[in-house]
Amino acid sequence: MSIIQPGMRVTRIRHALEAAFTPESLEIRDDSAAHVGHPGAREGGHFHVEIVARAFAGRSSLECHRLVYAALSDLISGNIHALSISAHAPSD
């Protein structure tokens, strides 16, 4: 695990998710500024991800979240403190 500069975290999240899922759409929102002073905020940012990819077809919400967490596993410790996920297949 390496700590990434806060300004580069969204870029790294985007690259990891694009490599893992080739999404049809991907939006990443950095909500870290709203959590300044929160004890966990020192250990990583707060992010919201909306992703639409064929890889999620036929999978439960829990399975989709697990796939996203697996794709971001290198970033979770120290770079992502909180992650909100909206993951869907294109037809959902």
Protein backbone atom coordinates (compact mmCIF):
# COMPACT_ATOMS: atom_id res chain seq x y z
CA MET A 1 0.00 0.00 0.00
CA SER A 2 1.28 3.42 -0.89
CA ILE A 3 -0.37 6.66 0.07
CA ILE A 4 -1.36 8.73 -2.96
CA GLN A 5 -1.60 12.50 -2.93
CA PRO A 6 -5.24 13.46 -2.32
CA GLY A 7 -5.53 15.21 -5.69
CA MET A 8 -4.52 12.02 -7.53
CA ARG A 9 -6.92 9.64 -5.80
CA VAL A 10 -9.84 10.16 -8.18
CA THR A 11 -7.53 9.55 -11.13
CA ARG A 12 -6.24 6.31 -9.61
CA ILE A 13 -9.78 5.17 -8.76
CA ARG A 14 -10.88 5.93 -12.33
CA HIS A 15 -7.95 4.02 -13.85
CA ALA A 16 -8.51 0.98 -11.62
CA LEU A 17 -12.24 0.81 -12.38
CA GLU A 18 -11.77 1.38 -16.11
CA ALA A 19 -9.16 -1.38 -16.25
CA ALA A 20 -11.34 -3.82 -14.32
CA PHE A 21 -14.73 -3.17 -15.92
CA THR A 22 -14.48 -1.11 -19.14
CA PRO A 23 -17.56 0.79 -17.94
CA GLU A 24 -20.14 2.36 -20.21
CA SER A 25 -20.35 5.18 -17.72
CA LEU A 26 -18.33 6.11 -14.67
CA GLU A 27 -18.72 9.05 -12.32
CA ILE A 28 -16.54 9.56 -9.27
CA ARG A 29 -17.27 12.26 -6.74
CA ASP A 30 -14.74 13.22 -4.09
CA ASP A 31 -16.69 14.10 -0.93
CA SER A 32 -13.57 14.41 1.23
CA ALA A 33 -13.94 18.16 1.81
CA ALA A 34 -17.24 17.55 3.61
CA HIS A 35 -15.43 15.32 6.11
CA VAL A 36 -12.50 17.51 7.11
CA GLY A 37 -11.88 17.06 10.82
CA HIS A 38 -13.44 13.59 10.84
CA PRO A 39 -10.90 11.28 12.51
CA GLY A 40 -10.89 8.78 9.63
CA ALA A 41 -10.41 11.49 7.04
CA ARG A 42 -6.70 11.52 7.85
CA GLU A 43 -6.48 7.93 6.61
CA GLY A 44 -8.00 8.49 3.17
CA GLY A 45 -10.73 10.22 1.25
CA HIS A 46 -14.50 9.85 1.03
CA PHE A 47 -15.76 8.96 -2.45
CA HIS A 48 -18.97 8.15 -4.29
CA VAL A 49 -18.77 5.96 -7.40
CA GLU A 50 -21.53 5.49 -9.98
CA ILE A 51 -20.55 2.84 -12.50
CA VAL A 52 -22.45 1.10 -15.29
CA ALA A 53 -20.74 -1.97 -16.76
CA ARG A 54 -21.69 -5.27 -18.37
CA ALA A 55 -19.70 -7.09 -15.68
CA PHE A 56 -22.55 -6.39 -13.24
CA ALA A 57 -25.25 -8.10 -15.34
CA GLY A 58 -27.12 -10.75 -13.39
CA ARG A 59 -25.31 -9.95 -10.15
CA SER A 60 -26.76 -8.83 -6.86
CA SER A 61 -25.93 -5.43 -5.42
CA LEU A 62 -23.67 -7.12 -2.87
CA GLU A 63 -21.77 -8.97 -5.60
CA CYS A 64 -21.31 -5.74 -7.56
CA HIS A 65 -19.97 -3.95 -4.49
CA ARG A 66 -17.54 -6.79 -3.82
CA LEU A 67 -16.26 -6.57 -7.40
CA VAL A 68 -15.71 -2.82 -7.05
CA TYR A 69 -13.92 -3.26 -3.72
CA ALA A 70 -11.73 -5.96 -5.26
CA ALA A 71 -10.82 -3.66 -8.16
CA LEU A 72 -9.86 -0.95 -5.68
CA SER A 73 -8.15 -3.20 -3.14
CA ASP A 74 -4.75 -1.53 -3.63
CA LEU A 75 -6.29 1.85 -2.80
CA ILE A 76 -8.54 0.93 0.12
CA SER A 77 -5.95 1.03 2.89
CA GLY A 78 -4.72 4.57 3.39
CA ASN A 79 -6.29 6.18 0.31
CA ILE A 80 -10.02 5.43 0.59
CA HIS A 81 -11.63 5.80 3.99
CA ALA A 82 -15.26 5.71 2.85
CA LEU A 83 -16.76 4.54 -0.43
CA SER A 84 -20.37 4.80 -1.56
CA ILE A 85 -21.12 2.64 -4.61
CA SER A 86 -23.89 2.62 -7.18
CA ALA A 87 -23.07 -0.22 -9.59
CA HIS A 88 -25.40 -1.42 -12.34
CA ALA A 89 -25.48 -3.31 -15.60
CA PRO A 90 -26.39 -1.24 -18.68
CA SER A 91 -29.97 -2.55 -18.77
CA ASP A 92 -30.72 -1.80 -15.08
